[in-house]
Amino acid sequence: MMTDEWIAEMVAAAGCLGQRFVGTPQDSMMLELYAIEAQLEDRLQQLGADAAATVAESFIDTVIRVKRAIEAAGDATPCVLN
């Protein structure tokens, strides 16, 4: 399941989500991210509960880091996933 391609797609998705949330109030963003995290964790249960939780949490952390970096840089270039 966790192929190099899958990991690259997850990184790209986190980047696009981070960009999507630029300018979004923290509370609103976190509500959406908690829902995404729960869905992702549920879909990754075949990895085991702890691994699924770690991957989902890391994904959300990456989204938040990307958002903050974009906001700090003042960049809002559109993101396109393949």
N, C-alpha and C. Protein backbone atom coordinates (compact mmCIF):
# COMPACT_ATOMS: atom_id res chain seq x y z
N MET A 1 0.80 -1.19 0.00
CA MET A 1 0.00 0.00 0.00
C MET A 1 0.85 1.26 0.00
N MET A 2 1.85 1.34 0.83
CA MET A 2 2.68 2.55 0.92
C MET A 2 3.83 2.48 -0.07
N THR A 3 3.50 2.63 -1.32
CA THR A 3 4.52 2.66 -2.36
C THR A 3 5.09 4.07 -2.44
N ASP A 4 6.19 4.20 -3.14
CA ASP A 4 6.77 5.53 -3.35
C ASP A 4 5.76 6.45 -4.04
N GLU A 5 5.01 5.90 -4.97
CA GLU A 5 4.01 6.69 -5.69
C GLU A 5 2.92 7.17 -4.75
N TRP A 6 2.44 6.29 -3.88
CA TRP A 6 1.39 6.66 -2.92
C TRP A 6 1.89 7.76 -1.99
N ILE A 7 3.10 7.62 -1.52
CA ILE A 7 3.66 8.63 -0.62
C ILE A 7 3.80 9.97 -1.34
N ALA A 8 4.26 9.95 -2.59
CA ALA A 8 4.37 11.18 -3.37
C ALA A 8 3.01 11.84 -3.57
N GLU A 9 1.99 11.03 -3.81
CA GLU A 9 0.63 11.56 -3.98
C GLU A 9 0.12 12.17 -2.69
N MET A 10 0.43 11.55 -1.57
CA MET A 10 0.00 12.09 -0.27
C MET A 10 0.70 13.42 0.03
N VAL A 11 1.97 13.50 -0.29
CA VAL A 11 2.71 14.74 -0.09
C VAL A 11 2.13 15.84 -0.97
N ALA A 12 1.83 15.52 -2.23
CA ALA A 12 1.24 16.50 -3.14
C ALA A 12 -0.14 16.93 -2.64
N ALA A 13 -0.92 15.98 -2.16
CA ALA A 13 -2.26 16.30 -1.64
C ALA A 13 -2.16 17.20 -0.41
N ALA A 14 -1.21 16.93 0.46
CA ALA A 14 -1.02 17.77 1.65
C ALA A 14 -0.65 19.19 1.23
N GLY A 15 0.18 19.29 0.20
CA GLY A 15 0.56 20.61 -0.29
C GLY A 15 -0.62 21.38 -0.85
N CYS A 16 -1.45 20.69 -1.61
CA CYS A 16 -2.64 21.34 -2.18
C CYS A 16 -3.64 21.72 -1.10
N LEU A 17 -3.83 20.86 -0.12
CA LEU A 17 -4.74 21.19 0.97
C LEU A 17 -4.20 22.38 1.77
N GLY A 18 -2.90 22.38 2.01
CA GLY A 18 -2.31 23.51 2.72
C GLY A 18 -2.57 24.81 1.98
N GLN A 19 -2.44 24.75 0.68
CA GLN A 19 -2.69 25.93 -0.14
C GLN A 19 -4.17 26.32 -0.10
N ARG A 20 -5.03 25.34 -0.14
CA ARG A 20 -6.47 25.60 -0.10
C ARG A 20 -6.88 26.33 1.17
N PHE A 21 -6.19 26.05 2.26
CA PHE A 21 -6.56 26.65 3.54
C PHE A 21 -5.90 28.00 3.81
N VAL A 22 -5.09 28.48 2.88
CA VAL A 22 -4.47 29.80 3.07
C VAL A 22 -5.56 30.84 3.28
N GLY A 23 -5.42 31.61 4.34
CA GLY A 23 -6.40 32.64 4.66
C GLY A 23 -7.63 32.16 5.40
N THR A 24 -7.76 30.85 5.59
CA THR A 24 -8.90 30.28 6.31
C THR A 24 -8.67 30.42 7.81
N PRO A 25 -9.68 30.84 8.56
CA PRO A 25 -9.53 30.92 10.01
C PRO A 25 -9.14 29.56 10.61
N GLN A 26 -8.30 29.59 11.62
CA GLN A 26 -7.77 28.38 12.25
C GLN A 26 -8.88 27.42 12.68
N ASP A 27 -9.91 27.92 13.36
CA ASP A 27 -10.98 27.05 13.85
C ASP A 27 -11.69 26.32 12.72
N SER A 28 -11.98 27.06 11.67
CA SER A 28 -12.67 26.47 10.51
C SER A 28 -11.80 25.41 9.84
N MET A 29 -10.52 25.73 9.67
CA MET A 29 -9.60 24.80 9.05
C MET A 29 -9.48 23.52 9.88
N MET A 30 -9.34 23.67 11.19
CA MET A 30 -9.14 22.51 12.05
C MET A 30 -10.36 21.59 12.05
N LEU A 31 -11.55 22.15 11.98
CA LEU A 31 -12.75 21.30 11.89
C LEU A 31 -12.68 20.41 10.66
N GLU A 32 -12.30 20.98 9.53
CA GLU A 32 -12.18 20.19 8.31
C GLU A 32 -11.04 19.18 8.39
N LEU A 33 -9.93 19.62 8.96
CA LEU A 33 -8.78 18.72 9.06
C LEU A 33 -9.03 17.55 10.00
N TYR A 34 -9.76 17.77 11.08
CA TYR A 34 -10.09 16.65 11.98
C TYR A 34 -10.94 15.61 11.26
N ALA A 35 -11.86 16.08 10.42
CA ALA A 35 -12.70 15.15 9.65
C ALA A 35 -11.85 14.38 8.64
N ILE A 36 -10.94 15.08 7.97
CA ILE A 36 -10.05 14.42 7.00
C ILE A 36 -9.16 13.41 7.71
N GLU A 37 -8.63 13.79 8.86
CA GLU A 37 -7.76 12.89 9.63
C GLU A 37 -8.49 11.61 10.02
N ALA A 38 -9.74 11.75 10.48
CA ALA A 38 -10.53 10.58 10.89
C ALA A 38 -10.79 9.66 9.69
N GLN A 39 -11.13 10.25 8.55
CA GLN A 39 -11.38 9.45 7.35
C GLN A 39 -10.12 8.74 6.89
N LEU A 40 -9.02 9.45 6.89
CA LEU A 40 -7.75 8.86 6.46
C LEU A 40 -7.33 7.73 7.40
N GLU A 41 -7.46 7.98 8.69
CA GLU A 41 -7.09 6.95 9.66
C GLU A 41 -7.96 5.70 9.48
N ASP A 42 -9.24 5.90 9.23
CA ASP A 42 -10.14 4.78 9.02
C ASP A 42 -9.75 3.98 7.78
N ARG A 43 -9.36 4.67 6.72
CA ARG A 43 -8.98 4.00 5.47
C ARG A 43 -7.65 3.28 5.57
N LEU A 44 -6.83 3.65 6.55
CA LEU A 44 -5.50 3.06 6.69
C LEU A 44 -5.43 2.00 7.78
N GLN A 45 -6.56 1.54 8.26
CA GLN A 45 -6.58 0.57 9.36
C GLN A 45 -5.84 -0.72 9.04
N GLN A 46 -5.72 -1.05 7.78
CA GLN A 46 -5.00 -2.27 7.41
C GLN A 46 -3.53 -2.20 7.79
N LEU A 47 -3.03 -1.00 8.06
CA LEU A 47 -1.65 -0.83 8.52
C LEU A 47 -1.50 -1.13 10.00
N GLY A 48 -2.64 -1.19 10.69
CA GLY A 48 -2.65 -1.30 12.14
C GLY A 48 -3.06 0.05 12.71
N ALA A 49 -3.70 0.02 13.86
CA ALA A 49 -4.26 1.24 14.45
C ALA A 49 -3.20 2.30 14.71
N ASP A 50 -2.09 1.91 15.30
CA ASP A 50 -1.05 2.90 15.63
C ASP A 50 -0.44 3.51 14.38
N ALA A 51 -0.13 2.68 13.39
CA ALA A 51 0.46 3.18 12.15
C ALA A 51 -0.52 4.08 11.41
N ALA A 52 -1.78 3.69 11.36
CA ALA A 52 -2.80 4.49 10.69
C ALA A 52 -2.91 5.87 11.35
N ALA A 53 -2.92 5.88 12.67
CA ALA A 53 -3.02 7.14 13.40
C ALA A 53 -1.79 8.02 13.14
N THR A 54 -0.62 7.41 13.12
CA THR A 54 0.62 8.16 12.89
C THR A 54 0.64 8.76 11.49
N VAL A 55 0.25 7.99 10.49
CA VAL A 55 0.24 8.48 9.11
C VAL A 55 -0.77 9.62 8.97
N ALA A 56 -1.96 9.43 9.51
CA ALA A 56 -3.00 10.46 9.41
C ALA A 56 -2.57 11.74 10.12
N GLU A 57 -2.00 11.61 11.30
CA GLU A 57 -1.55 12.78 12.05
C GLU A 57 -0.41 13.50 11.31
N SER A 58 0.50 12.74 10.74
CA SER A 58 1.61 13.33 9.98
C SER A 58 1.10 14.08 8.75
N PHE A 59 0.09 13.51 8.10
CA PHE A 59 -0.51 14.16 6.94
C PHE A 59 -1.09 15.52 7.33
N ILE A 60 -1.85 15.55 8.41
CA ILE A 60 -2.48 16.80 8.87
C ILE A 60 -1.41 17.80 9.29
N ASP A 61 -0.38 17.35 9.99
CA ASP A 61 0.71 18.24 10.39
C ASP A 61 1.37 18.86 9.16
N THR A 62 1.53 18.07 8.11
CA THR A 62 2.14 18.57 6.87
C THR A 62 1.25 19.62 6.22
N VAL A 63 -0.05 19.39 6.19
CA VAL A 63 -0.99 20.36 5.63
C VAL A 63 -0.84 21.70 6.37
N ILE A 64 -0.79 21.65 7.68
CA ILE A 64 -0.69 22.87 8.49
C ILE A 64 0.65 23.57 8.24
N ARG A 65 1.74 22.80 8.17
CA ARG A 65 3.05 23.40 7.91
C ARG A 65 3.08 24.08 6.54
N VAL A 66 2.50 23.43 5.54
CA VAL A 66 2.47 24.01 4.19
C VAL A 66 1.67 25.31 4.20
N LYS A 67 0.51 25.29 4.82
CA LYS A 67 -0.33 26.49 4.91
C LYS A 67 0.45 27.64 5.54
N ARG A 68 1.10 27.38 6.65
CA ARG A 68 1.86 28.43 7.35
C ARG A 68 3.01 28.95 6.50
N ALA A 69 3.69 28.05 5.80
CA ALA A 69 4.80 28.46 4.95
C ALA A 69 4.32 29.34 3.80
N ILE A 70 3.22 28.96 3.20
CA ILE A 70 2.66 29.75 2.09
C ILE A 70 2.24 31.12 2.59
N GLU A 71 1.56 31.15 3.72
CA GLU A 71 1.13 32.43 4.27
C GLU A 71 2.32 33.32 4.62
N ALA A 72 3.37 32.72 5.18
CA ALA A 72 4.56 33.48 5.55
C ALA A 72 5.26 34.05 4.31
N ALA A 73 5.23 33.29 3.21
CA ALA A 73 5.89 33.71 1.98
C ALA A 73 5.00 34.64 1.14
N GLY A 74 3.72 34.67 1.46
CA GLY A 74 2.79 35.49 0.69
C GLY A 74 2.52 34.93 -0.69
N ASP A 75 2.68 33.62 -0.84
CA ASP A 75 2.49 32.95 -2.13
C ASP A 75 1.15 32.26 -2.17
N ALA A 76 0.45 32.34 -3.29
CA ALA A 76 -0.82 31.65 -3.44
C ALA A 76 -0.95 31.08 -4.84
N THR A 77 0.11 30.46 -5.32
CA THR A 77 0.11 29.84 -6.64
C THR A 77 -0.87 28.68 -6.66
N PRO A 78 -1.74 28.59 -7.66
CA PRO A 78 -2.70 27.48 -7.72
C PRO A 78 -2.02 26.10 -7.71
N CYS A 79 -2.66 25.15 -7.11
CA CYS A 79 -2.14 23.79 -7.02
C CYS A 79 -3.01 22.87 -7.87
N VAL A 80 -2.36 22.00 -8.63
CA VAL A 80 -3.08 21.04 -9.47
C VAL A 80 -2.54 19.66 -9.18
N LEU A 81 -3.42 18.73 -8.82
CA LEU A 81 -3.02 17.34 -8.62
C LEU A 81 -3.19 16.58 -9.92
N ASN A 82 -2.29 15.66 -10.18
CA ASN A 82 -2.40 14.83 -11.39
C ASN A 82 -3.43 13.75 -11.20
